[in-house]
Every structure is written in structure tokens, then in C-alpha cells.
Amino acid sequence: MLNRIKGLLADEQGGEVLEYALIVGLIVVAAIAAITAVGTKVLARWTSLDSSI
């Protein structure tokens, strides 16, 4: 049993996939934050244009 646990801890398969998943997750969070920040300004601009027409 102890050898099996040591084998699982030493196994590095899937490490790269985890790293890529974390990077993609960070990119998604940054994109959502940017869209949210810019979205309010765009909405305000559209509202301003709509009221001026």
C-alpha cells in the first residue's frame, strides 16, 4: 500500500494539463473582468447616443 501511494505521488502525468487548465482559467477570469469593466462604459455610451437621437 505504501509503495502504491509513493508511486502515485511520484507520477507526473497530467501535470502539464493542470498547468494549462490553470492558465486558461486565469485568462477567462481576466476576460470577464475586462468585459465587465468596459461593458458599463459601452452601455453608458449607447444610452447617451440613444437619448441624443
PDB file of N, CA and C in Angstrom:
ATOM      1  N   MET A   1       0.829  -1.202   0.000  1.00  0.00           N
ATOM      2  CA  MET A   1       0.000   0.000   0.000  1.00  0.00           C
ATOM      3  C   MET A   1       0.869   1.259   0.000  1.00  0.00           C
ATOM      4  N   LEU A   2       1.906   1.250   0.804  1.00  0.00           N
ATOM      5  CA  LEU A   2       2.800   2.405   0.885  1.00  0.00           C
ATOM      6  C   LEU A   2       3.515   2.634  -0.439  1.00  0.00           C
ATOM      7  N   ASN A   3       3.912   1.552  -1.107  1.00  0.00           N
ATOM      8  CA  ASN A   3       4.567   1.685  -2.410  1.00  0.00           C
ATOM      9  C   ASN A   3       3.619   2.275  -3.439  1.00  0.00           C
ATOM     10  N   ARG A   4       2.364   1.906  -3.367  1.00  0.00           N
ATOM     11  CA  ARG A   4       1.375   2.443  -4.310  1.00  0.00           C
ATOM     12  C   ARG A   4       1.182   3.947  -4.102  1.00  0.00           C
ATOM     13  N   ILE A   5       1.134   4.374  -2.863  1.00  0.00           N
ATOM     14  CA  ILE A   5       0.982   5.803  -2.564  1.00  0.00           C
ATOM     15  C   ILE A   5       2.213   6.575  -3.033  1.00  0.00           C
ATOM     16  N   LYS A   6       3.398   6.017  -2.806  1.00  0.00           N
ATOM     17  CA  LYS A   6       4.623   6.665  -3.276  1.00  0.00           C
ATOM     18  C   LYS A   6       4.628   6.764  -4.797  1.00  0.00           C
ATOM     19  N   GLY A   7       4.124   5.721  -5.460  1.00  0.00           N
ATOM     20  CA  GLY A   7       4.049   5.737  -6.911  1.00  0.00           C
ATOM     21  C   GLY A   7       3.104   6.813  -7.424  1.00  0.00           C
ATOM     22  N   LEU A   8       1.984   6.965  -6.745  1.00  0.00           N
ATOM     23  CA  LEU A   8       1.024   7.999  -7.142  1.00  0.00           C
ATOM     24  C   LEU A   8       1.599   9.402  -6.933  1.00  0.00           C
ATOM     25  N   LEU A   9       2.334   9.585  -5.851  1.00  0.00           N
ATOM     26  CA  LEU A   9       2.930  10.899  -5.585  1.00  0.00           C
ATOM     27  C   LEU A   9       4.049  11.225  -6.563  1.00  0.00           C
ATOM     28  N   ALA A  10       4.753  10.200  -7.020  1.00  0.00           N
ATOM     29  CA  ALA A  10       5.860  10.417  -7.960  1.00  0.00           C
ATOM     30  C   ALA A  10       5.375  10.550  -9.389  1.00  0.00           C
ATOM     31  N   ASP A  11       4.150  10.147  -9.682  1.00  0.00           N
ATOM     32  CA  ASP A  11       3.611  10.188 -11.039  1.00  0.00           C
ATOM     33  C   ASP A  11       3.387  11.635 -11.452  1.00  0.00           C
ATOM     34  N   GLU A  12       3.976  12.014 -12.576  1.00  0.00           N
ATOM     35  CA  GLU A  12       3.856  13.386 -13.057  1.00  0.00           C
ATOM     36  C   GLU A  12       2.972  13.503 -14.285  1.00  0.00           C
ATOM     37  N   GLN A  13       2.293  12.449 -14.654  1.00  0.00           N
ATOM     38  CA  GLN A  13       1.395  12.517 -15.804  1.00  0.00           C
ATOM     39  C   GLN A  13       0.233  13.443 -15.481  1.00  0.00           C
ATOM     40  N   GLY A  14      -0.139  14.256 -16.432  1.00  0.00           N
ATOM     41  CA  GLY A  14      -1.267  15.157 -16.246  1.00  0.00           C
ATOM     42  C   GLY A  14      -0.881  16.489 -15.628  1.00  0.00           C
ATOM     43  N   GLY A  15       0.366  16.645 -15.240  1.00  0.00           N
ATOM     44  CA  GLY A  15       0.805  17.915 -14.643  1.00  0.00           C
ATOM     45  C   GLY A  15       0.710  19.064 -15.620  1.00  0.00           C
ATOM     46  N   GLU A  16       1.073  18.802 -16.861  1.00  0.00           N
ATOM     47  CA  GLU A  16       1.015  19.857 -17.876  1.00  0.00           C
ATOM     48  C   GLU A  16      -0.429  20.261 -18.163  1.00  0.00           C
ATOM     49  N   VAL A  17      -1.308  19.274 -18.165  1.00  0.00           N
ATOM     50  CA  VAL A  17      -2.720  19.577 -18.418  1.00  0.00           C
ATOM     51  C   VAL A  17      -3.259  20.472 -17.307  1.00  0.00           C
ATOM     52  N   LEU A  18      -2.869  20.200 -16.094  1.00  0.00           N
ATOM     53  CA  LEU A  18      -3.310  21.021 -14.968  1.00  0.00           C
ATOM     54  C   LEU A  18      -2.783  22.446 -15.104  1.00  0.00           C
ATOM     55  N   GLU A  19      -1.534  22.577 -15.506  1.00  0.00           N
ATOM     56  CA  GLU A  19      -0.973  23.918 -15.683  1.00  0.00           C
ATOM     57  C   GLU A  19      -1.702  24.685 -16.776  1.00  0.00           C
ATOM     58  N   TYR A  20      -1.973  24.024 -17.891  1.00  0.00           N
ATOM     59  CA  TYR A  20      -2.708  24.686 -18.974  1.00  0.00           C
ATOM     60  C   TYR A  20      -4.123  25.058 -18.530  1.00  0.00           C
ATOM     61  N   ALA A  21      -4.750  24.196 -17.760  1.00  0.00           N
ATOM     62  CA  ALA A  21      -6.098  24.493 -17.268  1.00  0.00           C
ATOM     63  C   ALA A  21      -6.075  25.715 -16.354  1.00  0.00           C
ATOM     64  N   LEU A  22      -5.067  25.823 -15.516  1.00  0.00           N
ATOM     65  CA  LEU A  22      -4.963  26.993 -14.641  1.00  0.00           C
ATOM     66  C   LEU A  22      -4.722  28.268 -15.447  1.00  0.00           C
ATOM     67  N   ILE A  23      -3.888  28.184 -16.460  1.00  0.00           N
ATOM     68  CA  ILE A  23      -3.629  29.359 -17.305  1.00  0.00           C
ATOM     69  C   ILE A  23      -4.897  29.791 -18.025  1.00  0.00           C
ATOM     70  N   VAL A  24      -5.629  28.830 -18.587  1.00  0.00           N
ATOM     71  CA  VAL A  24      -6.879  29.152 -19.280  1.00  0.00           C
ATOM     72  C   VAL A  24      -7.879  29.749 -18.296  1.00  0.00           C
ATOM     73  N   GLY A  25      -7.935  29.206 -17.094  1.00  0.00           N
ATOM     74  CA  GLY A  25      -8.835  29.750 -16.080  1.00  0.00           C
ATOM     75  C   GLY A  25      -8.515  31.194 -15.745  1.00  0.00           C
ATOM     76  N   LEU A  26      -7.228  31.503 -15.618  1.00  0.00           N
ATOM     77  CA  LEU A  26      -6.833  32.881 -15.331  1.00  0.00           C
ATOM     78  C   LEU A  26      -7.172  33.818 -16.485  1.00  0.00           C
ATOM     79  N   ILE A  27      -6.995  33.332 -17.716  1.00  0.00           N
ATOM     80  CA  ILE A  27      -7.337  34.145 -18.884  1.00  0.00           C
ATOM     81  C   ILE A  27      -8.834  34.417 -18.915  1.00  0.00           C
ATOM     82  N   VAL A  28      -9.638  33.417 -18.604  1.00  0.00           N
ATOM     83  CA  VAL A  28     -11.091  33.596 -18.597  1.00  0.00           C
ATOM     84  C   VAL A  28     -11.502  34.601 -17.532  1.00  0.00           C
ATOM     85  N   VAL A  29     -10.921  34.502 -16.354  1.00  0.00           N
ATOM     86  CA  VAL A  29     -11.259  35.445 -15.278  1.00  0.00           C
ATOM     87  C   VAL A  29     -10.860  36.869 -15.678  1.00  0.00           C
ATOM     88  N   ALA A  30      -9.689  37.027 -16.295  1.00  0.00           N
ATOM     89  CA  ALA A  30      -9.257  38.356 -16.731  1.00  0.00           C
ATOM     90  C   ALA A  30     -10.177  38.892 -17.829  1.00  0.00           C
ATOM     91  N   ALA A  31     -10.601  38.016 -18.742  1.00  0.00           N
ATOM     92  CA  ALA A  31     -11.503  38.454 -19.815  1.00  0.00           C
ATOM     93  C   ALA A  31     -12.848  38.888 -19.245  1.00  0.00           C
ATOM     94  N   ILE A  32     -13.365  38.149 -18.299  1.00  0.00           N
ATOM     95  CA  ILE A  32     -14.649  38.519 -17.681  1.00  0.00           C
ATOM     96  C   ILE A  32     -14.524  39.860 -16.967  1.00  0.00           C
ATOM     97  N   ALA A  33     -13.419  40.064 -16.268  1.00  0.00           N
ATOM     98  CA  ALA A  33     -13.214  41.343 -15.573  1.00  0.00           C
ATOM     99  C   ALA A  33     -13.117  42.493 -16.566  1.00  0.00           C
ATOM    100  N   ALA A  34     -12.407  42.278 -17.668  1.00  0.00           N
ATOM    101  CA  ALA A  34     -12.263  43.342 -18.668  1.00  0.00           C
ATOM    102  C   ALA A  34     -13.593  43.645 -19.342  1.00  0.00           C
ATOM    103  N   ILE A  35     -14.342  42.609 -19.682  1.00  0.00           N
ATOM    104  CA  ILE A  35     -15.639  42.814 -20.330  1.00  0.00           C
ATOM    105  C   ILE A  35     -16.592  43.528 -19.389  1.00  0.00           C
ATOM    106  N   THR A  36     -16.562  43.173 -18.129  1.00  0.00           N
ATOM    107  CA  THR A  36     -17.430  43.832 -17.154  1.00  0.00           C
ATOM    108  C   THR A  36     -17.067  45.305 -17.009  1.00  0.00           C
ATOM    109  N   ALA A  37     -15.778  45.589 -16.950  1.00  0.00           N
ATOM    110  CA  ALA A  37     -15.339  46.986 -16.787  1.00  0.00           C
ATOM    111  C   ALA A  37     -15.665  47.817 -18.016  1.00  0.00           C
ATOM    112  N   VAL A  38     -15.441  47.278 -19.186  1.00  0.00           N
ATOM    113  CA  VAL A  38     -15.695  48.014 -20.421  1.00  0.00           C
ATOM    114  C   VAL A  38     -17.183  48.040 -20.744  1.00  0.00           C
ATOM    115  N   GLY A  39     -17.886  46.987 -20.365  1.00  0.00           N
ATOM    116  CA  GLY A  39     -19.307  46.880 -20.690  1.00  0.00           C
ATOM    117  C   GLY A  39     -20.142  48.011 -20.127  1.00  0.00           C
ATOM    118  N   THR A  40     -19.832  48.439 -18.922  1.00  0.00           N
ATOM    119  CA  THR A  40     -20.605  49.537 -18.327  1.00  0.00           C
ATOM    120  C   THR A  40     -20.367  50.841 -19.085  1.00  0.00           C
ATOM    121  N   LYS A  41     -19.140  51.042 -19.538  1.00  0.00           N
ATOM    122  CA  LYS A  41     -18.841  52.262 -20.300  1.00  0.00           C
ATOM    123  C   LYS A  41     -19.520  52.234 -21.666  1.00  0.00           C
ATOM    124  N   VAL A  42     -19.542  51.074 -22.292  1.00  0.00           N
ATOM    125  CA  VAL A  42     -20.200  50.940 -23.593  1.00  0.00           C
ATOM    126  C   VAL A  42     -21.704  51.155 -23.449  1.00  0.00           C
ATOM    127  N   LEU A  43     -22.278  50.579 -22.401  1.00  0.00           N
ATOM    128  CA  LEU A  43     -23.714  50.757 -22.159  1.00  0.00           C
ATOM    129  C   LEU A  43     -24.045  52.229 -21.932  1.00  0.00           C
ATOM    130  N   ALA A  44     -23.208  52.917 -21.183  1.00  0.00           N
ATOM    131  CA  ALA A  44     -23.434  54.346 -20.946  1.00  0.00           C
ATOM    132  C   ALA A  44     -23.342  55.131 -22.249  1.00  0.00           C
ATOM    133  N   ARG A  45     -22.394  54.761 -23.097  1.00  0.00           N
ATOM    134  CA  ARG A  45     -22.240  55.454 -24.387  1.00  0.00           C
ATOM    135  C   ARG A  45     -23.462  55.226 -25.265  1.00  0.00           C
ATOM    136  N   TRP A  46     -23.945  53.969 -25.324  1.00  0.00           N
ATOM    137  CA  TRP A  46     -25.124  53.666 -26.132  1.00  0.00           C
ATOM    138  C   TRP A  46     -26.359  54.396 -25.613  1.00  0.00           C
ATOM    139  N   THR A  47     -26.488  54.464 -24.302  1.00  0.00           N
ATOM    140  CA  THR A  47     -27.608  55.177 -23.711  1.00  0.00           C
ATOM    141  C   THR A  47     -27.532  56.664 -24.058  1.00  0.00           C
ATOM    142  N   SER A  48     -26.358  57.230 -24.007  1.00  0.00           N
ATOM    143  CA  SER A  48     -26.166  58.632 -24.356  1.00  0.00           C
ATOM    144  C   SER A  48     -26.512  58.879 -25.823  1.00  0.00           C
ATOM    145  N   LEU A  49     -26.050  57.985 -26.699  1.00  0.00           N
ATOM    146  CA  LEU A  49     -26.355  58.131 -28.115  1.00  0.00           C
ATOM    147  C   LEU A  49     -27.858  57.978 -28.382  1.00  0.00           C
ATOM    148  N   ASP A  50     -28.482  57.037 -27.679  1.00  0.00           N
ATOM    149  CA  ASP A  50     -29.909  56.799 -27.868  1.00  0.00           C
ATOM    150  C   ASP A  50     -30.741  58.012 -27.443  1.00  0.00           C
ATOM    151  N   SER A  51     -30.351  58.639 -26.346  1.00  0.00           N
ATOM    152  CA  SER A  51     -31.104  59.786 -25.876  1.00  0.00           C
ATOM    153  C   SER A  51     -30.875  61.026 -26.755  1.00  0.00           C
ATOM    154  N   SER A  52     -29.733  61.081 -27.408  1.00  0.00           N
ATOM    155  CA  SER A  52     -29.451  62.245 -28.255  1.00  0.00           C
ATOM    156  C   SER A  52     -30.139  62.140 -29.623  1.00  0.00           C
ATOM    157  N   ILE A  53     -30.541  60.952 -29.990  1.00  0.00           N
ATOM    158  CA  ILE A  53     -31.197  60.776 -31.293  1.00  0.00           C
ATOM    159  C   ILE A  53     -32.625  61.043 -31.157  1.00  0.00           C
TER     160      ILE A  53
END
